[in-house]
Amino acid sequence: MSLSSSIIVRVEFQHQTIEELIRGYSEEQLKLRPIPEKWSVFENLVHLFTYQLAFEKRIEKIVNGNNP
């Protein structure tokens, strides 16, 4: 399975983009929930990072497995 260059570049630099977007905000600001029942920026980032780790393991299993 071959990945397109745009996907490779996106994944390779995604963490830097997020860093740029949140630069200058305090931890308190990132953890603030503007709408109480919605996630904060911090909660969204934790979700994305956790999901990415799980997704990487799934992809590895698909690529390397006989019957993923």
PDB file of N, CA and C in Angstrom:
ATOM      1  N   MET A   1       0.854  -1.181   0.000  1.00  0.00           N
ATOM      2  CA  MET A   1       0.000   0.000   0.000  1.00  0.00           C
ATOM      3  C   MET A   1       0.894   1.238   0.000  1.00  0.00           C
ATOM      4  N   SER A   2       0.693   2.100  -0.947  1.00  0.00           N
ATOM      5  CA  SER A   2       1.501   3.299  -1.078  1.00  0.00           C
ATOM      6  C   SER A   2       0.667   4.526  -0.727  1.00  0.00           C
ATOM      7  N   LEU A   3       1.252   5.419   0.069  1.00  0.00           N
ATOM      8  CA  LEU A   3       0.556   6.642   0.461  1.00  0.00           C
ATOM      9  C   LEU A   3       0.967   7.782  -0.448  1.00  0.00           C
ATOM     10  N   SER A   4       0.029   8.669  -0.734  1.00  0.00           N
ATOM     11  CA  SER A   4       0.338   9.826  -1.573  1.00  0.00           C
ATOM     12  C   SER A   4       1.267  10.772  -0.821  1.00  0.00           C
ATOM     13  N   SER A   5       1.999  11.566  -1.561  1.00  0.00           N
ATOM     14  CA  SER A   5       2.933  12.503  -0.931  1.00  0.00           C
ATOM     15  C   SER A   5       2.197  13.531  -0.078  1.00  0.00           C
ATOM     16  N   SER A   6       0.976  13.917  -0.456  1.00  0.00           N
ATOM     17  CA  SER A   6       0.235  14.901   0.347  1.00  0.00           C
ATOM     18  C   SER A   6      -0.152  14.321   1.711  1.00  0.00           C
ATOM     19  N   ILE A   7      -0.488  13.056   1.754  1.00  0.00           N
ATOM     20  CA  ILE A   7      -0.823  12.411   3.032  1.00  0.00           C
ATOM     21  C   ILE A   7       0.426  12.311   3.900  1.00  0.00           C
ATOM     22  N   ILE A   8       1.528  11.910   3.309  1.00  0.00           N
ATOM     23  CA  ILE A   8       2.776  11.773   4.055  1.00  0.00           C
ATOM     24  C   ILE A   8       3.193  13.110   4.654  1.00  0.00           C
ATOM     25  N   VAL A   9       3.141  14.168   3.857  1.00  0.00           N
ATOM     26  CA  VAL A   9       3.522  15.499   4.340  1.00  0.00           C
ATOM     27  C   VAL A   9       2.568  15.964   5.434  1.00  0.00           C
ATOM     28  N   ARG A  10       1.291  15.743   5.261  1.00  0.00           N
ATOM     29  CA  ARG A  10       0.298  16.165   6.255  1.00  0.00           C
ATOM     30  C   ARG A  10       0.562  15.504   7.599  1.00  0.00           C
ATOM     31  N   VAL A  11       0.772  14.202   7.596  1.00  0.00           N
ATOM     32  CA  VAL A  11       1.018  13.481   8.838  1.00  0.00           C
ATOM     33  C   VAL A  11       2.358  13.894   9.454  1.00  0.00           C
ATOM     34  N   GLU A  12       3.339  14.090   8.605  1.00  0.00           N
ATOM     35  CA  GLU A  12       4.674  14.435   9.081  1.00  0.00           C
ATOM     36  C   GLU A  12       4.705  15.783   9.803  1.00  0.00           C
ATOM     37  N   PHE A  13       3.911  16.743   9.357  1.00  0.00           N
ATOM     38  CA  PHE A  13       3.978  18.092   9.917  1.00  0.00           C
ATOM     39  C   PHE A  13       2.734  18.514  10.700  1.00  0.00           C
ATOM     40  N   GLN A  14       1.787  17.629  10.860  1.00  0.00           N
ATOM     41  CA  GLN A  14       0.541  17.949  11.549  1.00  0.00           C
ATOM     42  C   GLN A  14       0.784  18.485  12.955  1.00  0.00           C
ATOM     43  N   HIS A  15       1.702  17.872  13.682  1.00  0.00           N
ATOM     44  CA  HIS A  15       1.959  18.300  15.058  1.00  0.00           C
ATOM     45  C   HIS A  15       2.486  19.734  15.113  1.00  0.00           C
ATOM     46  N   GLN A  16       3.236  20.137  14.100  1.00  0.00           N
ATOM     47  CA  GLN A  16       3.751  21.511  14.084  1.00  0.00           C
ATOM     48  C   GLN A  16       2.624  22.509  13.832  1.00  0.00           C
ATOM     49  N   THR A  17       1.682  22.153  13.023  1.00  0.00           N
ATOM     50  CA  THR A  17       0.539  23.027  12.746  1.00  0.00           C
ATOM     51  C   THR A  17      -0.274  23.245  14.009  1.00  0.00           C
ATOM     52  N   ILE A  18      -0.525  22.190  14.746  1.00  0.00           N
ATOM     53  CA  ILE A  18      -1.291  22.312  15.987  1.00  0.00           C
ATOM     54  C   ILE A  18      -0.532  23.204  16.967  1.00  0.00           C
ATOM     55  N   GLU A  19       0.771  23.003  17.039  1.00  0.00           N
ATOM     56  CA  GLU A  19       1.601  23.824  17.915  1.00  0.00           C
ATOM     57  C   GLU A  19       1.473  25.313  17.562  1.00  0.00           C
ATOM     58  N   GLU A  20       1.493  25.608  16.277  1.00  0.00           N
ATOM     59  CA  GLU A  20       1.341  27.003  15.829  1.00  0.00           C
ATOM     60  C   GLU A  20      -0.026  27.561  16.207  1.00  0.00           C
ATOM     61  N   LEU A  21      -1.057  26.771  16.045  1.00  0.00           N
ATOM     62  CA  LEU A  21      -2.419  27.234  16.299  1.00  0.00           C
ATOM     63  C   LEU A  21      -2.675  27.555  17.765  1.00  0.00           C
ATOM     64  N   ILE A  22      -2.024  26.828  18.677  1.00  0.00           N
ATOM     65  CA  ILE A  22      -2.297  27.050  20.102  1.00  0.00           C
ATOM     66  C   ILE A  22      -1.235  27.911  20.780  1.00  0.00           C
ATOM     67  N   ARG A  23      -0.191  28.270  20.052  1.00  0.00           N
ATOM     68  CA  ARG A  23       0.878  29.105  20.628  1.00  0.00           C
ATOM     69  C   ARG A  23       0.284  30.416  21.151  1.00  0.00           C
ATOM     70  N   GLY A  24       0.699  30.781  22.348  1.00  0.00           N
ATOM     71  CA  GLY A  24       0.236  32.040  22.932  1.00  0.00           C
ATOM     72  C   GLY A  24      -0.964  31.892  23.853  1.00  0.00           C
ATOM     73  N   TYR A  25      -1.602  30.725  23.834  1.00  0.00           N
ATOM     74  CA  TYR A  25      -2.732  30.493  24.735  1.00  0.00           C
ATOM     75  C   TYR A  25      -2.232  29.808  26.002  1.00  0.00           C
ATOM     76  N   SER A  26      -2.776  30.194  27.131  1.00  0.00           N
ATOM     77  CA  SER A  26      -2.395  29.565  28.395  1.00  0.00           C
ATOM     78  C   SER A  26      -3.111  28.224  28.526  1.00  0.00           C
ATOM     79  N   GLU A  27      -2.600  27.401  29.439  1.00  0.00           N
ATOM     80  CA  GLU A  27      -3.253  26.108  29.689  1.00  0.00           C
ATOM     81  C   GLU A  27      -4.692  26.331  30.146  1.00  0.00           C
ATOM     82  N   GLU A  28      -4.899  27.350  30.956  1.00  0.00           N
ATOM     83  CA  GLU A  28      -6.246  27.673  31.433  1.00  0.00           C
ATOM     84  C   GLU A  28      -7.179  27.994  30.262  1.00  0.00           C
ATOM     85  N   GLN A  29      -6.693  28.770  29.306  1.00  0.00           N
ATOM     86  CA  GLN A  29      -7.506  29.108  28.135  1.00  0.00           C
ATOM     87  C   GLN A  29      -7.817  27.853  27.306  1.00  0.00           C
ATOM     88  N   LEU A  30      -6.838  26.975  27.143  1.00  0.00           N
ATOM     89  CA  LEU A  30      -7.038  25.773  26.341  1.00  0.00           C
ATOM     90  C   LEU A  30      -8.003  24.791  27.003  1.00  0.00           C
ATOM     91  N   LYS A  31      -8.071  24.845  28.322  1.00  0.00           N
ATOM     92  CA  LYS A  31      -8.963  23.930  29.054  1.00  0.00           C
ATOM     93  C   LYS A  31     -10.358  24.512  29.274  1.00  0.00           C
ATOM     94  N   LEU A  32     -10.547  25.755  28.891  1.00  0.00           N
ATOM     95  CA  LEU A  32     -11.848  26.409  29.050  1.00  0.00           C
ATOM     96  C   LEU A  32     -12.858  25.816  28.076  1.00  0.00           C
ATOM     97  N   ARG A  33     -14.052  25.548  28.590  1.00  0.00           N
ATOM     98  CA  ARG A  33     -15.141  25.073  27.742  1.00  0.00           C
ATOM     99  C   ARG A  33     -16.096  26.249  27.502  1.00  0.00           C
ATOM    100  N   PRO A  34     -16.010  26.893  26.336  1.00  0.00           N
ATOM    101  CA  PRO A  34     -16.906  28.029  26.070  1.00  0.00           C
ATOM    102  C   PRO A  34     -18.377  27.619  26.118  1.00  0.00           C
ATOM    103  N   ILE A  35     -18.648  26.411  25.691  1.00  0.00           N
ATOM    104  CA  ILE A  35     -19.999  25.839  25.801  1.00  0.00           C
ATOM    105  C   ILE A  35     -19.847  24.640  26.740  1.00  0.00           C
ATOM    106  N   PRO A  36     -20.466  24.694  27.923  1.00  0.00           N
ATOM    107  CA  PRO A  36     -20.223  23.679  28.961  1.00  0.00           C
ATOM    108  C   PRO A  36     -20.331  22.219  28.508  1.00  0.00           C
ATOM    109  N   GLU A  37     -21.249  21.915  27.613  1.00  0.00           N
ATOM    110  CA  GLU A  37     -21.420  20.517  27.204  1.00  0.00           C
ATOM    111  C   GLU A  37     -20.527  20.112  26.024  1.00  0.00           C
ATOM    112  N   LYS A  38     -19.698  21.044  25.551  1.00  0.00           N
ATOM    113  CA  LYS A  38     -18.769  20.761  24.449  1.00  0.00           C
ATOM    114  C   LYS A  38     -17.351  20.645  24.978  1.00  0.00           C
ATOM    115  N   TRP A  39     -16.495  19.966  24.231  1.00  0.00           N
ATOM    116  CA  TRP A  39     -15.107  19.788  24.643  1.00  0.00           C
ATOM    117  C   TRP A  39     -14.312  21.076  24.499  1.00  0.00           C
ATOM    118  N   SER A  40     -13.308  21.203  25.351  1.00  0.00           N
ATOM    119  CA  SER A  40     -12.366  22.314  25.253  1.00  0.00           C
ATOM    120  C   SER A  40     -11.341  21.997  24.167  1.00  0.00           C
ATOM    121  N   VAL A  41     -10.520  22.978  23.832  1.00  0.00           N
ATOM    122  CA  VAL A  41      -9.428  22.761  22.877  1.00  0.00           C
ATOM    123  C   VAL A  41      -8.531  21.643  23.404  1.00  0.00           C
ATOM    124  N   PHE A  42      -8.200  21.704  24.684  1.00  0.00           N
ATOM    125  CA  PHE A  42      -7.337  20.700  25.309  1.00  0.00           C
ATOM    126  C   PHE A  42      -7.930  19.302  25.166  1.00  0.00           C
ATOM    127  N   GLU A  43      -9.205  19.151  25.463  1.00  0.00           N
ATOM    128  CA  GLU A  43      -9.859  17.834  25.368  1.00  0.00           C
ATOM    129  C   GLU A  43      -9.868  17.327  23.931  1.00  0.00           C
ATOM    130  N   ASN A  44     -10.074  18.222  22.979  1.00  0.00           N
ATOM    131  CA  ASN A  44     -10.028  17.827  21.569  1.00  0.00           C
ATOM    132  C   ASN A  44      -8.634  17.343  21.187  1.00  0.00           C
ATOM    133  N   LEU A  45      -7.604  18.043  21.646  1.00  0.00           N
ATOM    134  CA  LEU A  45      -6.230  17.635  21.326  1.00  0.00           C
ATOM    135  C   LEU A  45      -5.883  16.294  21.952  1.00  0.00           C
ATOM    136  N   VAL A  46      -6.281  16.084  23.192  1.00  0.00           N
ATOM    137  CA  VAL A  46      -6.037  14.786  23.845  1.00  0.00           C
ATOM    138  C   VAL A  46      -6.720  13.681  23.045  1.00  0.00           C
ATOM    139  N   HIS A  47      -7.935  13.924  22.621  1.00  0.00           N
ATOM    140  CA  HIS A  47      -8.666  12.939  21.817  1.00  0.00           C
ATOM    141  C   HIS A  47      -7.923  12.639  20.512  1.00  0.00           C
ATOM    142  N   LEU A  48      -7.473  13.682  19.817  1.00  0.00           N
ATOM    143  CA  LEU A  48      -6.775  13.492  18.548  1.00  0.00           C
ATOM    144  C   LEU A  48      -5.478  12.713  18.720  1.00  0.00           C
ATOM    145  N   PHE A  49      -4.708  13.053  19.751  1.00  0.00           N
ATOM    146  CA  PHE A  49      -3.442  12.354  19.984  1.00  0.00           C
ATOM    147  C   PHE A  49      -3.688  10.890  20.327  1.00  0.00           C
ATOM    148  N   THR A  50      -4.675  10.635  21.178  1.00  0.00           N
ATOM    149  CA  THR A  50      -4.995   9.257  21.568  1.00  0.00           C
ATOM    150  C   THR A  50      -5.497   8.469  20.364  1.00  0.00           C
ATOM    151  N   TYR A  51      -6.362   9.091  19.579  1.00  0.00           N
ATOM    152  CA  TYR A  51      -6.889   8.439  18.386  1.00  0.00           C
ATOM    153  C   TYR A  51      -5.773   8.130  17.393  1.00  0.00           C
ATOM    154  N   GLN A  52      -4.838   9.063  17.225  1.00  0.00           N
ATOM    155  CA  GLN A  52      -3.750   8.854  16.266  1.00  0.00           C
ATOM    156  C   GLN A  52      -2.917   7.641  16.652  1.00  0.00           C
ATOM    157  N   LEU A  53      -2.623   7.481  17.937  1.00  0.00           N
ATOM    158  CA  LEU A  53      -1.849   6.317  18.381  1.00  0.00           C
ATOM    159  C   LEU A  53      -2.597   5.015  18.087  1.00  0.00           C
ATOM    160  N   ALA A  54      -3.887   4.998  18.379  1.00  0.00           N
ATOM    161  CA  ALA A  54      -4.693   3.799  18.114  1.00  0.00           C
ATOM    162  C   ALA A  54      -4.777   3.538  16.617  1.00  0.00           C
ATOM    163  N   PHE A  55      -4.934   4.593  15.835  1.00  0.00           N
ATOM    164  CA  PHE A  55      -5.049   4.472  14.387  1.00  0.00           C
ATOM    165  C   PHE A  55      -3.755   3.932  13.778  1.00  0.00           C
ATOM    166  N   GLU A  56      -2.609   4.410  14.280  1.00  0.00           N
ATOM    167  CA  GLU A  56      -1.318   3.914  13.784  1.00  0.00           C
ATOM    168  C   GLU A  56      -1.196   2.421  14.013  1.00  0.00           C
ATOM    169  N   LYS A  57      -1.620   1.942  15.177  1.00  0.00           N
ATOM    170  CA  LYS A  57      -1.566   0.507  15.486  1.00  0.00           C
ATOM    171  C   LYS A  57      -2.491  -0.275  14.562  1.00  0.00           C
ATOM    172  N   ARG A  58      -3.661   0.267  14.277  1.00  0.00           N
ATOM    173  CA  ARG A  58      -4.594  -0.407  13.368  1.00  0.00           C
ATOM    174  C   ARG A  58      -4.020  -0.511  11.963  1.00  0.00           C
ATOM    175  N   ILE A  59      -3.438   0.580  11.486  1.00  0.00           N
ATOM    176  CA  ILE A  59      -2.844   0.581  10.144  1.00  0.00           C
ATOM    177  C   ILE A  59      -1.714  -0.431  10.062  1.00  0.00           C
ATOM    178  N   GLU A  60      -0.873  -0.466  11.088  1.00  0.00           N
ATOM    179  CA  GLU A  60       0.232  -1.426  11.116  1.00  0.00           C
ATOM    180  C   GLU A  60      -0.300  -2.855  11.059  1.00  0.00           C
ATOM    181  N   LYS A  61      -1.368  -3.103  11.793  1.00  0.00           N
ATOM    182  CA  LYS A  61      -1.986  -4.437  11.813  1.00  0.00           C
ATOM    183  C   LYS A  61      -2.547  -4.782  10.423  1.00  0.00           C
ATOM    184  N   ILE A  62      -3.142  -3.817   9.766  1.00  0.00           N
ATOM    185  CA  ILE A  62      -3.702  -4.049   8.430  1.00  0.00           C
ATOM    186  C   ILE A  62      -2.587  -4.333   7.428  1.00  0.00           C
ATOM    187  N   VAL A  63      -1.523  -3.531   7.487  1.00  0.00           N
ATOM    188  CA  VAL A  63      -0.428  -3.674   6.526  1.00  0.00           C
ATOM    189  C   VAL A  63       0.321  -4.984   6.748  1.00  0.00           C
ATOM    190  N   ASN A  64       0.552  -5.345   7.997  1.00  0.00           N
ATOM    191  CA  ASN A  64       1.391  -6.504   8.299  1.00  0.00           C
ATOM    192  C   ASN A  64       0.630  -7.802   8.568  1.00  0.00           C
ATOM    193  N   GLY A  65      -0.669  -7.705   8.744  1.00  0.00           N
ATOM    194  CA  GLY A  65      -1.437  -8.895   9.106  1.00  0.00           C
ATOM    195  C   GLY A  65      -1.940  -9.691   7.906  1.00  0.00           C
ATOM    196  N   ASN A  66      -2.194 -10.940   8.157  1.00  0.00           N
ATOM    197  CA  ASN A  66      -2.762 -11.804   7.125  1.00  0.00           C
ATOM    198  C   ASN A  66      -4.270 -11.643   7.039  1.00  0.00           C
ATOM    199  N   ASN A  67      -4.895 -11.422   8.194  1.00  0.00           N
ATOM    200  CA  ASN A  67      -6.340 -11.300   8.257  1.00  0.00           C
ATOM    201  C   ASN A  67      -6.702 -10.249   9.297  1.00  0.00           C
ATOM    202  N   PRO A  68      -6.405  -8.983   8.994  1.00  0.00           N
ATOM    203  CA  PRO A  68      -6.583  -7.938  10.015  1.00  0.00           C
ATOM    204  C   PRO A  68      -8.043  -7.662  10.367  1.00  0.00           C
TER     205      PRO A  68
END
